[in-house]
Amino acid sequence: MKNFLQRNYPQIKFEFVTVDKYEGPGTSLGYSMLQAKSNLKCPFIFHPCDTIPVQKIPEPSQNWIGGMWVNEKKSDLPLAHYRTHKVVNNKIIELKDKGVSGFESIHIGLDGIKDYQDYWATLEEIYNEDPNFEELCDVQVLDRMIKNGSDFALLPFPVWLDTGNLTALKNTEQYLKEHAYAGK
């Protein structure tokens, strides 16, 4: 990854963080995120590797969570694979675990974090409650921040290209072929 980014994007300054443990007890996405905390003492965008956005990603001038509106009853997506949002007036009021019904939007794993100090404090708090919680990720942090009174707007992504499961990967590959994004 490091070689690819430096070779293909020489005009961009990257900061790479080494994660000292990435498998076994005490590891999680949340633990890995904590390793980058000292590099992110400013508003930032959280973007894991399984989402490909095709629209411009805005600056985190406010807290936002990327999502795709979905009609739960009519969708052909494998909804049990995705975390979701309960939304009121374009404001996310709850994040739901995978497979839980009663939602309006799918969590695409793309977050704009303006209130970065609260984010890091919340992540550390959750991590310290159970350092061996392997499922710790952005969702638990965002949900707790919301429950503690932070506001997060839904940032809708009408096109969401997911690579996190085989069905989604095939759909993404097909979309990229049809829209001539491959190789660009």
C-alpha atoms as a PDB file:
ATOM      1  CA  MET A   1       0.000   0.000   0.000  1.00  0.00           C
ATOM      2  CA  LYS A   2       2.718   2.438   1.002  1.00  0.00           C
ATOM      3  CA  ASN A   3       4.695   1.844  -2.214  1.00  0.00           C
ATOM      4  CA  PHE A   4       1.555   2.111  -4.366  1.00  0.00           C
ATOM      5  CA  LEU A   5       0.504   5.426  -2.834  1.00  0.00           C
ATOM      6  CA  GLN A   6       3.945   7.004  -3.000  1.00  0.00           C
ATOM      7  CA  ARG A   7       4.542   5.831  -6.577  1.00  0.00           C
ATOM      8  CA  ASN A   8       1.131   6.809  -7.968  1.00  0.00           C
ATOM      9  CA  TYR A   9       0.524   9.993  -5.982  1.00  0.00           C
ATOM     10  CA  PRO A  10       3.945  11.669  -5.565  1.00  0.00           C
ATOM     11  CA  GLN A  11       2.312  15.105  -5.210  1.00  0.00           C
ATOM     12  CA  ILE A  12       0.525  14.085  -1.986  1.00  0.00           C
ATOM     13  CA  LYS A  13       2.201  14.093   1.409  1.00  0.00           C
ATOM     14  CA  PHE A  14       1.313  10.914   3.290  1.00  0.00           C
ATOM     15  CA  GLU A  15       1.836  10.073   6.942  1.00  0.00           C
ATOM     16  CA  PHE A  16       2.056   6.341   7.545  1.00  0.00           C
ATOM     17  CA  VAL A  17       1.388   4.831  10.952  1.00  0.00           C
ATOM     18  CA  THR A  18       2.672   1.447  12.017  1.00  0.00           C
ATOM     19  CA  VAL A  19       0.171  -0.639  13.952  1.00  0.00           C
ATOM     20  CA  ASP A  20       2.166  -2.775  16.368  1.00  0.00           C
ATOM     21  CA  LYS A  21      -0.443  -5.518  16.690  1.00  0.00           C
ATOM     22  CA  TYR A  22      -3.096  -6.363  14.140  1.00  0.00           C
ATOM     23  CA  GLU A  23      -4.193  -9.879  14.971  1.00  0.00           C
ATOM     24  CA  GLY A  24      -5.104 -11.772  18.097  1.00  0.00           C
ATOM     25  CA  PRO A  25      -6.247 -10.547  21.525  1.00  0.00           C
ATOM     26  CA  GLY A  26      -6.330  -6.790  21.981  1.00  0.00           C
ATOM     27  CA  THR A  27      -6.681  -5.975  18.305  1.00  0.00           C
ATOM     28  CA  SER A  28      -9.549  -4.214  16.561  1.00  0.00           C
ATOM     29  CA  LEU A  29     -10.140  -1.462  14.069  1.00  0.00           C
ATOM     30  CA  GLY A  30     -10.558   0.801  17.101  1.00  0.00           C
ATOM     31  CA  TYR A  31      -7.102  -0.172  18.388  1.00  0.00           C
ATOM     32  CA  SER A  32      -5.601   0.507  14.963  1.00  0.00           C
ATOM     33  CA  MET A  33      -7.348   3.878  14.829  1.00  0.00           C
ATOM     34  CA  LEU A  34      -5.860   4.812  18.214  1.00  0.00           C
ATOM     35  CA  GLN A  35      -2.393   4.312  16.729  1.00  0.00           C
ATOM     36  CA  ALA A  36      -3.097   7.286  14.411  1.00  0.00           C
ATOM     37  CA  LYS A  37      -4.459   9.591  17.113  1.00  0.00           C
ATOM     38  CA  SER A  38      -1.310  11.719  17.404  1.00  0.00           C
ATOM     39  CA  ASN A  39      -1.384  12.280  13.621  1.00  0.00           C
ATOM     40  CA  LEU A  40      -5.022  13.414  13.652  1.00  0.00           C
ATOM     41  CA  LYS A  41      -5.213  16.325  16.070  1.00  0.00           C
ATOM     42  CA  CYS A  42      -7.559  18.149  13.723  1.00  0.00           C
ATOM     43  CA  PRO A  43     -10.854  17.501  11.926  1.00  0.00           C
ATOM     44  CA  PHE A  44     -10.475  14.406   9.739  1.00  0.00           C
ATOM     45  CA  ILE A  45     -12.259  11.981   7.452  1.00  0.00           C
ATOM     46  CA  PHE A  46     -12.442   8.345   8.479  1.00  0.00           C
ATOM     47  CA  HIS A  47     -12.428   6.138   5.392  1.00  0.00           C
ATOM     48  CA  PRO A  48     -11.759   2.413   5.696  1.00  0.00           C
ATOM     49  CA  CYS A  49     -10.696   0.470   2.662  1.00  0.00           C
ATOM     50  CA  ASP A  50     -13.954  -1.239   1.600  1.00  0.00           C
ATOM     51  CA  THR A  51     -15.899   1.820   0.345  1.00  0.00           C
ATOM     52  CA  ILE A  52     -15.288   3.493  -2.997  1.00  0.00           C
ATOM     53  CA  PRO A  53     -17.015   6.872  -3.232  1.00  0.00           C
ATOM     54  CA  VAL A  54     -17.775   8.229  -6.709  1.00  0.00           C
ATOM     55  CA  GLN A  55     -18.907  11.657  -5.521  1.00  0.00           C
ATOM     56  CA  LYS A  56     -16.729  14.334  -3.983  1.00  0.00           C
ATOM     57  CA  ILE A  57     -16.116  13.857  -0.271  1.00  0.00           C
ATOM     58  CA  PRO A  58     -16.691  17.140   1.577  1.00  0.00           C
ATOM     59  CA  GLU A  59     -14.468  18.582   4.255  1.00  0.00           C
ATOM     60  CA  PRO A  60     -15.446  17.772   7.840  1.00  0.00           C
ATOM     61  CA  SER A  61     -16.713  21.293   8.542  1.00  0.00           C
ATOM     62  CA  GLN A  62     -19.402  19.585  10.624  1.00  0.00           C
ATOM     63  CA  ASN A  63     -19.776  16.053  11.974  1.00  0.00           C
ATOM     64  CA  TRP A  64     -21.300  13.845   9.270  1.00  0.00           C
ATOM     65  CA  ILE A  65     -21.758  10.160   8.562  1.00  0.00           C
ATOM     66  CA  GLY A  66     -21.931   8.832   5.023  1.00  0.00           C
ATOM     67  CA  GLY A  67     -24.964   6.726   4.243  1.00  0.00           C
ATOM     68  CA  MET A  68     -27.126   5.463   1.445  1.00  0.00           C
ATOM     69  CA  TRP A  69     -30.916   5.819   1.700  1.00  0.00           C
ATOM     70  CA  VAL A  70     -32.552   2.411   1.485  1.00  0.00           C
ATOM     71  CA  ASN A  71     -36.116   1.178   1.537  1.00  0.00           C
ATOM     72  CA  GLU A  72     -35.645  -1.764   3.872  1.00  0.00           C
ATOM     73  CA  LYS A  73     -38.634  -3.681   2.479  1.00  0.00           C
ATOM     74  CA  LYS A  74     -37.744  -3.244  -1.203  1.00  0.00           C
ATOM     75  CA  SER A  75     -33.950  -3.476  -1.176  1.00  0.00           C
ATOM     76  CA  ASP A  76     -32.160  -6.388  -2.823  1.00  0.00           C
ATOM     77  CA  LEU A  77     -28.959  -5.679  -0.862  1.00  0.00           C
ATOM     78  CA  PRO A  78     -27.847  -8.291   1.692  1.00  0.00           C
ATOM     79  CA  LEU A  79     -28.912  -5.998   4.542  1.00  0.00           C
ATOM     80  CA  ALA A  80     -27.789  -8.411   7.258  1.00  0.00           C
ATOM     81  CA  HIS A  81     -24.189  -7.539   6.263  1.00  0.00           C
ATOM     82  CA  TYR A  82     -24.519  -3.833   7.054  1.00  0.00           C
ATOM     83  CA  ARG A  83     -24.796  -1.515  10.002  1.00  0.00           C
ATOM     84  CA  THR A  84     -27.513   1.056   9.560  1.00  0.00           C
ATOM     85  CA  HIS A  85     -28.797   4.454  10.725  1.00  0.00           C
ATOM     86  CA  LYS A  86     -32.009   5.710  12.222  1.00  0.00           C
ATOM     87  CA  VAL A  87     -32.449   9.191  10.738  1.00  0.00           C
ATOM     88  CA  VAL A  88     -34.747  12.087  11.689  1.00  0.00           C
ATOM     89  CA  ASN A  89     -34.649  15.365   9.744  1.00  0.00           C
ATOM     90  CA  ASN A  90     -31.367  14.368   8.072  1.00  0.00           C
ATOM     91  CA  LYS A  91     -29.788  13.892  11.517  1.00  0.00           C
ATOM     92  CA  ILE A  92     -28.585  10.455  12.594  1.00  0.00           C
ATOM     93  CA  ILE A  93     -30.083   9.627  15.955  1.00  0.00           C
ATOM     94  CA  GLU A  94     -28.919   6.006  16.258  1.00  0.00           C
ATOM     95  CA  LEU A  95     -26.540   3.516  14.658  1.00  0.00           C
ATOM     96  CA  LYS A  96     -27.803  -0.043  14.519  1.00  0.00           C
ATOM     97  CA  ASP A  97     -25.909  -3.315  14.454  1.00  0.00           C
ATOM     98  CA  LYS A  98     -25.875  -5.596  11.445  1.00  0.00           C
ATOM     99  CA  GLY A  99     -29.195  -7.289  10.788  1.00  0.00           C
ATOM    100  CA  VAL A 100     -31.305  -4.979  12.991  1.00  0.00           C
ATOM    101  CA  SER A 101     -34.430  -3.670  11.254  1.00  0.00           C
ATOM    102  CA  GLY A 102     -36.079  -0.262  11.501  1.00  0.00           C
ATOM    103  CA  PHE A 103     -33.622   1.984   9.668  1.00  0.00           C
ATOM    104  CA  GLU A 104     -33.499   4.530   6.868  1.00  0.00           C
ATOM    105  CA  SER A 105     -29.868   4.477   5.744  1.00  0.00           C
ATOM    106  CA  ILE A 106     -26.965   2.033   5.385  1.00  0.00           C
ATOM    107  CA  HIS A 107     -23.668   2.944   7.066  1.00  0.00           C
ATOM    108  CA  ILE A 108     -21.093   3.090   4.269  1.00  0.00           C
ATOM    109  CA  GLY A 109     -18.102   3.524   6.569  1.00  0.00           C
ATOM    110  CA  LEU A 110     -17.215   7.095   5.639  1.00  0.00           C
ATOM    111  CA  ASP A 111     -17.309   9.680   8.424  1.00  0.00           C
ATOM    112  CA  GLY A 112     -16.452  13.378   8.699  1.00  0.00           C
ATOM    113  CA  ILE A 113     -15.194  14.134  12.191  1.00  0.00           C
ATOM    114  CA  LYS A 114     -15.124  17.811  13.122  1.00  0.00           C
ATOM    115  CA  ASP A 115     -15.207  17.192  16.889  1.00  0.00           C
ATOM    116  CA  TYR A 116     -12.015  15.145  16.848  1.00  0.00           C
ATOM    117  CA  GLN A 117     -11.181  15.649  20.535  1.00  0.00           C
ATOM    118  CA  ASP A 118     -14.537  14.128  21.544  1.00  0.00           C
ATOM    119  CA  TYR A 119     -14.017  11.339  19.018  1.00  0.00           C
ATOM    120  CA  TRP A 120     -10.630  10.337  20.439  1.00  0.00           C
ATOM    121  CA  ALA A 121     -11.806  10.637  24.053  1.00  0.00           C
ATOM    122  CA  THR A 122     -14.831   8.453  23.272  1.00  0.00           C
ATOM    123  CA  LEU A 123     -12.758   5.864  21.415  1.00  0.00           C
ATOM    124  CA  GLU A 124     -10.259   5.660  24.288  1.00  0.00           C
ATOM    125  CA  GLU A 125     -13.095   5.347  26.803  1.00  0.00           C
ATOM    126  CA  ILE A 126     -14.676   2.439  24.907  1.00  0.00           C
ATOM    127  CA  TYR A 127     -11.326   0.766  24.285  1.00  0.00           C
ATOM    128  CA  ASN A 128     -10.356   1.002  27.970  1.00  0.00           C
ATOM    129  CA  GLU A 129     -13.670  -0.584  29.008  1.00  0.00           C
ATOM    130  CA  ASP A 130     -12.659  -3.765  27.136  1.00  0.00           C
ATOM    131  CA  PRO A 131      -9.320  -3.764  25.289  1.00  0.00           C
ATOM    132  CA  ASN A 132     -10.098  -7.242  23.913  1.00  0.00           C
ATOM    133  CA  PHE A 133     -13.348  -6.185  22.187  1.00  0.00           C
ATOM    134  CA  GLU A 134     -12.402  -7.202  18.643  1.00  0.00           C
ATOM    135  CA  GLU A 135     -15.475  -5.570  17.026  1.00  0.00           C
ATOM    136  CA  LEU A 136     -14.557  -2.049  18.200  1.00  0.00           C
ATOM    137  CA  CYS A 137     -14.803   0.315  15.241  1.00  0.00           C
ATOM    138  CA  ASP A 138     -16.100   3.744  14.266  1.00  0.00           C
ATOM    139  CA  VAL A 139     -19.733   2.696  14.735  1.00  0.00           C
ATOM    140  CA  GLN A 140     -19.497   2.249  18.511  1.00  0.00           C
ATOM    141  CA  VAL A 141     -17.676   5.581  18.818  1.00  0.00           C
ATOM    142  CA  LEU A 142     -20.194   7.486  16.695  1.00  0.00           C
ATOM    143  CA  ASP A 143     -23.166   5.905  18.435  1.00  0.00           C
ATOM    144  CA  ARG A 144     -21.841   6.779  21.885  1.00  0.00           C
ATOM    145  CA  MET A 145     -21.059  10.331  20.778  1.00  0.00           C
ATOM    146  CA  ILE A 146     -24.645  10.671  19.529  1.00  0.00           C
ATOM    147  CA  LYS A 147     -26.005   9.269  22.797  1.00  0.00           C
ATOM    148  CA  ASN A 148     -23.821  11.805  24.638  1.00  0.00           C
ATOM    149  CA  GLY A 149     -25.361  14.683  22.662  1.00  0.00           C
ATOM    150  CA  SER A 150     -23.131  15.144  19.601  1.00  0.00           C
ATOM    151  CA  ASP A 151     -24.885  15.916  16.329  1.00  0.00           C
ATOM    152  CA  PHE A 152     -24.102  13.988  13.144  1.00  0.00           C
ATOM    153  CA  ALA A 153     -25.738  14.869   9.857  1.00  0.00           C
ATOM    154  CA  LEU A 154     -26.440  12.152   7.319  1.00  0.00           C
ATOM    155  CA  LEU A 155     -24.341  12.750   4.227  1.00  0.00           C
ATOM    156  CA  PRO A 156     -26.188  10.829   1.518  1.00  0.00           C
ATOM    157  CA  PHE A 157     -24.214   8.946  -1.114  1.00  0.00           C
ATOM    158  CA  PRO A 158     -26.608   8.004  -3.935  1.00  0.00           C
ATOM    159  CA  VAL A 159     -23.973   5.647  -5.359  1.00  0.00           C
ATOM    160  CA  TRP A 160     -22.150   3.448  -2.898  1.00  0.00           C
ATOM    161  CA  LEU A 161     -19.531   1.032  -4.149  1.00  0.00           C
ATOM    162  CA  ASP A 162     -18.818  -1.568  -1.503  1.00  0.00           C
ATOM    163  CA  THR A 163     -16.073  -4.186  -1.652  1.00  0.00           C
ATOM    164  CA  GLY A 164     -16.671  -5.693   1.792  1.00  0.00           C
ATOM    165  CA  ASN A 165     -18.357  -8.932   0.644  1.00  0.00           C
ATOM    166  CA  LEU A 166     -18.312 -10.983  -2.560  1.00  0.00           C
ATOM    167  CA  THR A 167     -21.770  -9.918  -3.768  1.00  0.00           C
ATOM    168  CA  ALA A 168     -20.952  -6.251  -3.245  1.00  0.00           C
ATOM    169  CA  LEU A 169     -17.544  -6.662  -4.880  1.00  0.00           C
ATOM    170  CA  LYS A 170     -19.122  -8.169  -8.004  1.00  0.00           C
ATOM    171  CA  ASN A 171     -21.685  -5.333  -8.140  1.00  0.00           C
ATOM    172  CA  THR A 172     -18.885  -2.778  -7.736  1.00  0.00           C
ATOM    173  CA  GLU A 173     -16.826  -4.358 -10.511  1.00  0.00           C
ATOM    174  CA  GLN A 174     -19.862  -4.297 -12.804  1.00  0.00           C
ATOM    175  CA  TYR A 175     -20.595  -0.654 -12.001  1.00  0.00           C
ATOM    176  CA  LEU A 176     -16.993   0.352 -12.686  1.00  0.00           C
ATOM    177  CA  LYS A 177     -16.997  -1.474 -16.038  1.00  0.00           C
ATOM    178  CA  GLU A 178     -20.299   0.109 -17.082  1.00  0.00           C
ATOM    179  CA  HIS A 179     -19.209   3.601 -16.051  1.00  0.00           C
ATOM    180  CA  ALA A 180     -15.670   3.397 -17.457  1.00  0.00           C
ATOM    181  CA  TYR A 181     -13.978   4.015 -14.114  1.00  0.00           C
ATOM    182  CA  ALA A 182     -11.677   1.036 -14.441  1.00  0.00           C
ATOM    183  CA  GLY A 183      -8.074   2.088 -14.901  1.00  0.00           C
ATOM    184  CA  LYS A 184      -8.613   5.775 -14.101  1.00  0.00           C
END
